[in-house]
Protein backbone atom coordinates (compact mmCIF):
# COMPACT_ATOMS: atom_id res chain seq x y z
CA MET A 1 -0.04 -0.09 -0.01
CA ALA A 2 2.60 2.55 0.77
CA PHE A 3 4.12 1.79 -2.71
CA LEU A 4 0.93 2.32 -4.34
CA ASP A 5 0.52 5.83 -2.41
CA MET A 6 4.16 6.77 -3.33
CA LEU A 7 3.41 5.92 -7.05
CA SER A 8 0.10 7.88 -7.15
CA ARG A 9 1.61 11.10 -5.62
CA MET A 10 4.54 10.87 -7.99
CA LEU A 11 2.20 10.36 -11.02
CA TRP A 12 -0.21 13.06 -9.86
CA GLY A 13 2.59 15.49 -9.26
CA SER A 14 2.71 19.25 -10.20
CA GLY A 15 3.74 18.34 -13.83
CA LEU A 16 0.60 16.40 -14.71
CA VAL A 17 -1.76 18.95 -12.81
CA GLY A 18 0.02 22.02 -14.82
CA LEU A 19 -0.30 20.00 -18.04
CA LEU A 20 -4.21 19.23 -17.60
CA LEU A 21 -4.92 22.74 -16.60
CA GLY A 22 -2.74 24.41 -19.19
CA LEU A 23 -3.72 22.22 -22.05
CA GLY A 24 -7.21 22.77 -21.15
CA GLY A 25 -7.26 26.32 -21.05
CA PHE A 26 -5.50 26.34 -24.57
CA CYS A 27 -8.14 24.01 -26.09
CA LEU A 28 -11.14 26.35 -24.39
CA LEU A 29 -9.52 29.54 -25.67
CA ARG A 30 -8.69 28.33 -29.17
CA ASN A 31 -12.01 27.48 -30.33
CA ARG A 32 -14.07 29.11 -27.86
CA CYS A 33 -16.34 30.68 -30.58
CA GLU A 34 -17.20 27.47 -32.26
CA ALA A 35 -17.51 25.38 -28.96
CA LEU A 36 -20.01 28.17 -27.38
CA ARG A 37 -22.10 28.26 -30.89
CA SER A 38 -22.31 24.52 -30.65
CA LEU A 39 -23.13 24.33 -27.08
CA PHE A 40 -26.13 26.53 -27.53
CA SER A 41 -27.26 24.85 -30.87
CA VAL A 42 -26.69 21.11 -29.72
CA GLY A 43 -30.51 20.53 -29.45
CA ARG A 44 -31.20 21.15 -33.08
CA HIS A 45 -30.87 17.74 -34.76
CA THR A 46 -32.88 15.20 -36.75
CA ALA A 47 -35.18 13.00 -34.68
CA GLU A 48 -32.83 9.96 -35.41
CA GLY A 49 -29.51 11.77 -34.38
CA ARG A 50 -31.36 13.22 -31.48
CA ARG A 51 -32.05 9.69 -30.02
CA SER A 52 -28.66 8.43 -30.63
CA ARG A 53 -26.92 11.46 -29.32
CA PHE A 54 -29.10 11.27 -26.36
CA ARG A 55 -28.07 7.90 -25.30
CA ALA A 56 -24.68 8.57 -25.90
CA CYS A 57 -24.76 11.45 -24.07
CA MET A 58 -26.62 9.83 -21.15
CA THR A 59 -24.00 7.07 -21.09
CA SER A 60 -21.01 9.11 -21.19
CA LEU A 61 -22.86 11.33 -18.24
CA GLY A 62 -23.65 8.49 -16.27
CA ALA A 63 -20.06 7.08 -16.27
CA ALA A 64 -19.30 10.35 -14.76
CA MET A 65 -21.77 10.96 -12.67
CA GLY A 66 -21.04 8.14 -10.33
CA THR A 67 -20.20 8.03 -6.96
CA GLY A 68 -17.40 10.14 -7.62
CA ASN A 69 -19.85 13.11 -7.24
CA ILE A 70 -20.68 11.95 -3.70
CA ALA A 71 -17.94 9.78 -2.40
CA GLY A 72 -15.42 11.30 -4.45
CA VAL A 73 -16.40 14.97 -3.09
CA ALA A 74 -16.62 13.97 0.28
CA THR A 75 -12.84 12.36 -0.13
CA ALA A 76 -11.82 15.52 -1.55
CA LEU A 77 -12.86 17.90 1.52
CA THR A 78 -11.51 15.23 3.92
CA LEU A 79 -8.03 15.20 2.44
CA GLY A 80 -7.68 18.38 0.64
CA GLY A 81 -9.99 20.87 2.85
CA ALA A 82 -12.60 23.02 1.48
CA GLY A 83 -10.14 24.70 -0.90
CA ALA A 84 -10.35 21.57 -3.17
CA VAL A 85 -13.65 22.39 -4.10
CA PHE A 86 -12.56 25.80 -5.78
CA TRP A 87 -10.01 23.51 -7.65
CA MET A 88 -12.31 21.22 -8.72
CA TRP A 89 -14.18 24.20 -10.49
CA VAL A 90 -11.14 25.14 -12.09
CA ALA A 91 -10.10 21.79 -13.26
CA ALA A 92 -13.91 21.59 -14.60
CA LEU A 93 -13.56 24.84 -16.08
CA LEU A 94 -10.47 24.13 -18.04
CA GLY A 95 -11.70 20.55 -18.51
CA MET A 96 -14.31 21.42 -20.83
CA GLY A 97 -11.69 22.29 -23.22
CA LEU A 98 -10.01 19.19 -23.01
CA ILE A 99 -13.52 17.38 -23.39
CA TYR A 100 -14.32 19.34 -26.42
CA ALA A 101 -10.79 18.39 -27.93
CA GLU A 102 -10.94 14.78 -27.11
CA ASN A 103 -14.59 14.28 -28.42
CA ALA A 104 -13.90 16.57 -31.89
CA LEU A 105 -10.54 14.58 -32.39
CA GLY A 106 -12.54 11.41 -31.54
CA CYS A 107 -15.33 12.15 -34.11
CA ARG A 108 -12.80 13.22 -36.82
CA TYR A 109 -10.51 10.18 -36.69
CA ARG A 110 -12.86 7.25 -35.64
CA ARG A 111 -12.96 3.93 -37.48
CA GLU A 112 -14.57 0.64 -37.18
CA ASN A 113 -13.30 -1.12 -33.97
CA ARG A 114 -11.63 2.14 -32.93
CA THR A 115 -13.18 5.15 -31.49
CA GLY A 116 -12.00 7.83 -29.07
CA ALA A 117 -8.39 8.65 -28.09
CA ALA A 118 -7.49 5.08 -29.32
CA ALA A 119 -8.62 6.34 -32.77
CA TYR A 120 -6.80 9.74 -33.14
CA LEU A 121 -3.69 8.11 -31.20
CA ARG A 122 -3.39 5.82 -34.00
CA TYR A 123 -4.76 7.39 -36.96
CA GLY A 124 -3.91 10.97 -36.31
CA LEU A 125 -0.97 11.00 -34.53
CA GLY A 126 0.30 7.65 -36.21
CA SER A 127 1.53 6.03 -33.04
CA PRO A 128 -0.06 2.49 -32.78
CA LEU A 129 2.38 2.23 -29.56
CA LEU A 130 0.68 5.02 -27.80
CA ALA A 131 -2.74 3.84 -28.65
CA GLY A 132 -2.08 0.54 -27.41
CA CYS A 133 -0.71 1.94 -24.25
CA PHE A 134 -3.94 4.00 -23.80
CA ALA A 135 -6.10 0.96 -24.49
CA VAL A 136 -4.29 -1.06 -21.62
CA CYS A 137 -4.64 1.89 -19.34
CA CYS A 138 -8.36 2.21 -20.25
CA VAL A 139 -9.20 -1.40 -19.54
CA ALA A 140 -7.19 -1.13 -16.15
CA ALA A 141 -9.07 2.05 -15.18
CA SER A 142 -12.26 0.42 -16.05
CA PHE A 143 -11.80 -1.74 -13.15
CA GLY A 144 -10.50 1.07 -10.70
CA MET A 145 -12.57 4.01 -11.30
CA GLY A 146 -15.36 2.61 -13.20
CA ASN A 147 -15.92 -0.52 -11.19
CA MET A 148 -14.32 -1.25 -7.92
CA THR A 149 -14.83 2.60 -6.33
CA GLN A 150 -18.47 2.35 -7.57
CA SER A 151 -19.46 -0.71 -5.99
CA HIS A 152 -17.36 0.15 -2.81
CA ALA A 153 -19.33 3.41 -2.35
CA MET A 154 -22.67 1.43 -3.04
CA ALA A 155 -22.13 -1.35 -0.62
CA GLN A 156 -20.93 1.19 2.32
CA THR A 157 -23.82 3.48 1.87
CA LEU A 158 -26.29 0.41 2.05
CA GLN A 159 -24.60 -1.18 5.02
CA ALA A 160 -24.68 2.10 6.94
CA ALA A 161 -28.33 2.72 6.31
CA TRP A 162 -30.01 -0.54 5.89
CA GLY A 163 -27.46 -2.97 7.38
CA VAL A 164 -26.94 -4.86 4.12
CA PRO A 165 -23.89 -7.12 4.56
CA LEU A 166 -21.15 -6.15 1.85
CA PRO A 167 -21.15 -9.46 -0.03
CA VAL A 168 -24.72 -9.48 -0.56
CA THR A 169 -24.63 -5.70 -1.89
CA GLY A 170 -21.66 -7.11 -4.30
CA MET A 171 -23.36 -10.08 -5.73
CA ALA A 172 -26.71 -8.31 -6.34
CA ALA A 173 -24.55 -5.33 -8.05
CA ALA A 174 -22.81 -7.92 -10.15
CA VAL A 175 -26.04 -9.41 -11.49
CA LEU A 176 -27.59 -6.41 -12.18
CA THR A 177 -24.64 -4.99 -13.94
CA GLY A 178 -24.47 -8.08 -15.99
CA ALA A 179 -27.98 -7.82 -17.15
CA VAL A 180 -27.24 -4.70 -18.50
CA ILE A 181 -23.74 -4.94 -20.12
CA LEU A 182 -23.94 -8.34 -21.75
CA GLY A 183 -26.80 -6.86 -23.61
CA GLY A 184 -24.24 -4.65 -25.56
CA ALA A 185 -24.60 -1.10 -26.11
CA LYS A 186 -27.96 -0.69 -27.14
CA ARG A 187 -29.23 -1.95 -23.72
CA ILE A 188 -26.75 0.17 -22.04
CA GLY A 189 -27.92 3.21 -23.96
CA ARG A 190 -31.54 2.52 -22.95
CA PHE A 191 -30.55 2.07 -19.47
CA ALA A 192 -28.50 5.41 -19.16
CA ALA A 193 -31.20 7.26 -20.97
CA MET A 194 -33.98 6.11 -18.22
CA ALA A 195 -31.78 6.29 -15.37
CA VAL A 196 -29.29 9.18 -15.28
CA PRO A 197 -31.72 11.97 -15.69
CA ALA A 198 -34.28 10.66 -12.99
CA VAL A 199 -31.75 10.13 -10.25
CA THR A 200 -29.89 13.21 -11.14
CA VAL A 201 -33.18 15.17 -10.24
CA VAL A 202 -33.65 13.17 -7.09
CA TYR A 203 -30.26 13.75 -5.80
CA LEU A 204 -30.13 17.62 -6.49
CA LEU A 205 -33.94 18.20 -4.90
CA THR A 206 -32.51 16.18 -1.92
CA ALA A 207 -28.96 18.22 -1.92
CA GLY A 208 -31.20 21.43 -2.41
CA ALA A 209 -33.05 20.76 0.68
CA VAL A 210 -30.28 20.05 2.70
CA ILE A 211 -28.67 23.43 1.74
CA PHE A 212 -31.99 25.21 2.45
CA ARG A 213 -32.00 23.80 5.89
CA CYS A 214 -28.81 25.03 6.40
CA ARG A 215 -28.64 28.21 4.42
CA ALA A 216 -27.43 30.28 7.24
CA GLN A 217 -24.16 28.58 6.96
CA LEU A 218 -23.71 28.93 3.15
CA PRO A 219 -22.00 32.27 3.17
CA GLY A 220 -19.39 30.86 5.39
CA ALA A 221 -19.23 27.69 3.42
CA LEU A 222 -18.36 29.85 0.42
CA ALA A 223 -15.77 31.64 2.22
CA GLU A 224 -14.37 28.66 3.45
CA ILE A 225 -13.78 27.27 -0.18
CA LEU A 226 -11.97 30.49 -1.21
CA HIS A 227 -9.74 30.73 1.92
CA GLY A 228 -8.71 27.25 1.62
CA ALA A 229 -8.15 27.34 -2.14
CA PHE A 230 -5.12 29.67 -1.57
CA GLY A 231 -3.94 28.55 1.55
CA LEU A 232 -5.18 31.43 3.75
CA ASP A 233 -5.59 30.81 7.54
CA ALA A 234 -8.60 33.17 8.57
CA VAL A 235 -7.43 32.82 12.16
CA ALA A 236 -3.58 33.63 11.92
CA GLY A 237 -3.97 35.64 8.83
CA GLY A 238 -1.29 33.72 7.08
CA CYS A 239 -0.81 31.97 3.83
CA SER A 240 0.51 28.44 3.61
CA GLY A 241 2.07 27.29 0.28
CA ALA A 242 1.82 23.77 1.17
CA ALA A 243 -1.97 24.08 2.01
CA MET A 244 -2.60 25.61 -1.35
CA ARG A 245 -0.48 22.94 -3.14
CA LEU A 246 -2.65 20.10 -1.34
CA ALA A 247 -5.91 21.77 -1.92
CA MET A 248 -4.91 22.18 -5.66
CA THR A 249 -3.70 18.55 -6.09
CA VAL A 250 -6.41 16.86 -4.22
CA GLY A 251 -9.20 19.19 -6.20
CA VAL A 252 -7.81 18.55 -9.81
CA ARG A 253 -7.32 14.89 -8.87
CA ARG A 254 -11.05 14.59 -7.67
CA GLY A 255 -12.18 16.79 -10.48
CA VAL A 256 -10.71 14.62 -12.97
CA PHE A 257 -12.22 11.57 -11.07
CA SER A 258 -15.55 13.01 -11.35
CA ASN A 259 -15.73 14.69 -15.04
CA GLU A 260 -12.92 12.50 -16.68
CA ALA A 261 -11.72 15.57 -18.47
CA GLY A 262 -8.19 14.69 -20.12
CA LEU A 263 -8.49 10.93 -19.68
CA GLY A 264 -10.04 10.20 -23.09
CA SER A 265 -13.10 8.26 -21.86
CA SER A 266 -15.48 10.78 -23.29
CA GLY A 267 -14.48 9.96 -26.90
CA LEU A 268 -14.94 6.39 -26.41
CA LEU A 269 -18.24 6.78 -25.19
CA HIS A 270 -19.58 9.17 -27.89
CA GLY A 271 -17.79 6.93 -30.29
CA ASP A 272 -21.10 5.27 -32.01
CA ALA A 273 -22.99 8.30 -31.86
CA VAL A 274 -25.12 9.13 -34.92
CA SER A 275 -22.97 12.39 -35.91
CA SER A 276 -20.23 13.40 -38.31
CA ASP A 277 -20.03 17.16 -36.74
CA PRO A 278 -16.89 17.03 -34.53
CA ALA A 279 -18.15 20.53 -32.94
CA GLN A 280 -21.41 19.22 -31.83
CA MET A 281 -19.70 15.92 -30.27
CA GLY A 282 -17.36 18.25 -28.35
CA ALA A 283 -20.45 20.58 -27.19
CA LEU A 284 -21.97 17.34 -25.77
CA GLY A 285 -18.95 16.65 -24.03
CA MET A 286 -18.83 20.23 -22.35
CA LEU A 287 -22.55 19.89 -21.30
CA GLU A 288 -21.68 16.84 -19.37
CA VAL A 289 -18.92 18.65 -17.67
CA ILE A 290 -21.36 21.36 -16.66
CA ALA A 291 -24.04 18.88 -15.36
CA ASP A 292 -21.28 16.69 -13.42
CA THR A 293 -19.15 19.20 -11.69
CA PHE A 294 -20.90 22.66 -11.50
CA VAL A 295 -24.01 21.41 -10.64
CA CYS A 296 -23.83 17.77 -9.04
CA CYS A 297 -20.28 18.18 -7.38
CA THR A 298 -21.04 21.46 -6.11
CA ALA A 299 -24.38 20.63 -4.72
CA THR A 300 -22.63 17.79 -2.46
CA ALA A 301 -19.80 20.16 -1.47
CA LEU A 302 -22.20 22.98 -0.28
CA ALA A 303 -24.41 20.24 1.53
CA LEU A 304 -21.32 18.94 3.37
CA LEU A 305 -19.81 22.08 4.19
CA CYS A 306 -23.19 23.74 5.27
CA SER A 307 -24.23 20.70 7.46
CA LYS A 308 -20.49 20.70 9.43
CA ALA A 309 -21.16 16.85 9.41
CA GLU A 310 -17.92 14.88 10.76
CA GLY A 311 -17.23 11.27 11.91
CA ALA A 312 -17.36 9.38 8.75
CA ASP A 313 -15.70 9.32 5.25
CA GLY A 314 -16.53 8.98 1.73
CA ALA A 315 -20.62 8.21 1.02
CA GLY A 316 -20.78 7.90 4.71
CA LEU A 317 -20.06 11.34 5.55
CA VAL A 318 -22.61 12.37 2.96
CA LEU A 319 -25.18 10.23 4.74
CA CYS A 320 -24.36 11.70 8.15
CA ALA A 321 -24.82 15.34 6.49
CA PHE A 322 -28.27 14.60 4.99
CA ARG A 323 -29.24 12.99 8.23
CA GLN A 324 -28.59 15.96 10.04
CA SER A 325 -30.62 18.07 7.90
CA ILE A 326 -33.47 15.99 6.69
CA GLY A 327 -33.65 13.18 9.52
CA ARG A 328 -34.36 9.46 8.78
CA ALA A 329 -35.64 10.45 5.10
CA ALA A 330 -32.08 10.48 4.08
CA ASP A 331 -31.73 6.66 4.83
CA TRP A 332 -34.60 5.86 2.24
CA ILE A 333 -33.22 8.77 -0.36
CA LEU A 334 -29.56 8.63 -0.33
CA PRO A 335 -28.91 4.84 -0.66
CA PRO A 336 -31.09 4.09 -3.67
CA VAL A 337 -29.49 7.21 -5.47
CA ILE A 338 -25.98 6.20 -4.79
CA ALA A 339 -26.92 2.72 -5.89
CA VAL A 340 -28.43 3.75 -9.19
CA PHE A 341 -25.35 6.44 -9.86
CA ALA A 342 -23.03 3.47 -9.09
CA LEU A 343 -24.74 1.24 -11.73
CA CYS A 344 -24.92 4.01 -14.15
CA THR A 345 -20.93 4.53 -13.86
CA LEU A 346 -20.53 0.81 -14.00
CA VAL A 347 -22.31 0.02 -17.16
CA GLY A 348 -20.78 3.07 -18.78
CA TRP A 349 -17.32 2.29 -17.99
CA SER A 350 -17.68 -1.43 -19.11
CA TYR A 351 -18.50 0.12 -22.32
CA CYS A 352 -15.17 1.99 -22.28
CA GLY A 353 -13.24 -1.02 -21.31
CA SER A 354 -15.20 -3.16 -24.02
CA SER A 355 -14.13 -0.38 -26.67
CA ALA A 356 -10.62 -0.24 -25.78
CA LEU A 357 -10.19 -3.91 -25.55
CA GLN A 358 -11.75 -4.13 -28.89
CA SER A 359 -9.31 -1.83 -30.26
CA LEU A 360 -6.51 -4.17 -29.10
CA THR A 361 -8.07 -7.34 -30.06
CA GLY A 362 -10.27 -6.50 -32.84
CA GLY A 363 -13.23 -7.59 -30.95
CA ARG A 364 -11.90 -10.82 -29.13
CA TYR A 365 -12.51 -11.65 -25.59
CA VAL A 366 -15.30 -8.72 -24.94
CA THR A 367 -17.62 -11.13 -23.58
CA SER A 368 -14.94 -12.61 -21.38
CA TYR A 369 -14.10 -8.94 -20.17
CA ARG A 370 -17.38 -8.54 -19.17
CA LEU A 371 -17.77 -11.39 -17.32
CA VAL A 372 -14.45 -10.41 -15.31
CA PHE A 373 -15.85 -7.06 -14.93
CA CYS A 374 -18.85 -8.30 -12.98
CA ILE A 375 -16.76 -10.28 -10.96
CA ALA A 376 -14.68 -7.29 -9.96
CA VAL A 377 -17.71 -5.45 -8.85
CA CYS A 378 -18.41 -8.13 -6.39
CA ILE A 379 -14.52 -7.90 -5.19
CA GLY A 380 -14.78 -4.17 -4.92
CA THR A 381 -17.44 -4.20 -2.09
CA MET A 382 -15.05 -5.70 0.39
CA LEU A 383 -11.74 -3.88 -0.37
CA ARG A 384 -10.35 -1.06 1.76
CA LEU A 385 -11.43 2.42 0.58
CA GLU A 386 -7.98 3.74 0.53
CA ALA A 387 -6.87 1.08 -1.53
CA VAL A 388 -9.51 1.44 -4.12
CA TRP A 389 -9.09 5.31 -4.26
CA THR A 390 -5.11 4.99 -4.93
CA ILE A 391 -5.69 2.30 -7.73
CA ALA A 392 -8.31 4.65 -9.16
CA ASP A 393 -5.70 7.56 -9.21
CA ILE A 394 -3.04 5.62 -10.68
CA ALA A 395 -5.27 4.11 -13.52
CA ASN A 396 -6.52 7.56 -14.34
CA ALA A 397 -2.78 8.96 -14.71
CA GLY A 398 -2.09 6.39 -16.79
CA MET A 399 -5.00 7.27 -19.19
CA ALA A 400 -3.89 10.97 -18.83
CA TYR A 401 -0.30 10.33 -19.61
CA CYS A 402 -1.19 8.28 -22.84
CA ASN A 403 -3.93 10.75 -23.98
CA LEU A 404 -2.68 14.30 -23.42
CA PRO A 405 0.28 14.13 -26.19
CA GLY A 406 -2.23 13.37 -28.84
CA ILE A 407 -4.30 16.35 -27.90
CA MET A 408 -1.25 18.48 -27.48
CA LEU A 409 0.06 17.64 -31.01
CA LEU A 410 -3.08 16.90 -32.99
CA TYR A 411 -5.57 19.56 -31.67
CA PRO A 412 -3.66 23.05 -32.83
CA MET A 413 -3.92 21.46 -36.41
CA HIS A 414 -7.77 20.81 -35.86
CA ASN A 415 -10.32 23.00 -37.54
CA THR A 416 -13.64 22.12 -36.53
CA GLU A 417 -15.26 24.15 -39.24
CA GLN A 418 -13.68 21.98 -41.90
CA THR A 419 -13.43 18.51 -40.33
CA ALA A 420 -16.94 17.27 -41.25
CA HIS A 421 -15.41 17.55 -44.85
CA THR A 422 -12.05 15.90 -44.15
CA ASP A 423 -11.24 12.34 -44.29
CA ARG A 424 -14.30 11.78 -46.18
CA LYS A 425 -12.92 9.08 -48.37
CA ALA A 426 -11.64 7.06 -45.15
CA ARG A 427 -14.74 7.26 -43.56
CA LYS A 428 -17.09 6.86 -46.61
CA ALA A 429 -17.05 2.68 -46.18
CA VAL A 430 -17.92 3.33 -42.30
CA SER A 431 -20.85 5.83 -42.36
CA PRO A 432 -21.47 7.07 -38.68
CA CYS A 433 -25.14 6.40 -39.35
CA LYS A 434 -24.47 2.53 -40.56
CA ARG A 435 -21.46 1.73 -38.45
CA SER A 436 -22.01 -1.65 -36.38
CA TYR A 437 -19.16 -2.50 -33.87
CA SER A 438 -18.77 -5.73 -32.26
CA VAL A 439 -19.16 -4.29 -28.70
CA THR A 440 -22.76 -3.22 -29.82
CA LYS A 441 -23.75 -6.85 -30.44
């Protein structure tokens, strides 16, 4: 465990944090006009495109809006203090540029059997090695951030609220996950389209009720976020560079864990959407970051800070905060919400892992992967929280180190207004409206 902690700190050093923030800012500024225009026109599609894009968007949003919005925010506050929330906002704002770039490049270079970062690293950058390394890291990440962290948070919450034994939750979650993912991408899309909007509304209403009950503490909570972000000591009037670095590192790490900007997973999840417009696909990714971090994560953070809950960690801390404000009703609202959020992330990341494995093997072993994925869901419920989060951070960093060079080298040459007309000959045999991947079967 000590080695894993050291490796995680080394990978998530100031170099990677600075690269994520700097590259995200560059991507956001470079095509800000095109991105904003696409963002406001994202709803104007044909009926067929709207349905397909909606399902792809909900699958991607479900993969991002898992327990990272709940347990991840609580962990960020525990490790980095209130200031980590500010740096989560910064990471999300700049991450919108990275998400836009990932989806735009993924739409431009996608081919049959390869989508997202695996496609633009292979066909755009011309690096099969880097594309292969990304795919391996993505498969590993699907078992960390997309699997065991989700089932762990689900099991801990159900045990704390309802006394459900961890193995029982693990087996039930594995069966439910298998029932969805073994049906392929179409069933995953249908599940996400139904579950994600409903559970998000329920959670936001509940968190809003907590914040309203503690509204007198809201100004102090906002002040605490700003003071903690820059290492300001309100009591002594001093400034701590170490506190600021800790808040920044933890905030960016948890922000990336939540919205997945810079990892390349968003392009995988949007890979089979009915669209040939990179700008529209990038705009959908930006909407997901807004909903994920600026809405859901902020609601969780303010609920925790306003309620002053203590004595637990992860999802347990959120449950304590909700209990203090809305009483025992929290035990009947939060556990199902966390469970559905976790299931949405599980099925979304199983698709990421399947797509990455397909790019490595040409479609072989996908069913075996899904079976192993379900087994890992059960195992994750019984692991220690620290080990689970550390493994997830290492896997995230591996994806980022593989993905960011592709964005850095390809996106400066990318012109979204002309991309829909480029590579037409290469994509002619694989029209976005007619493509059929083996992972969808």
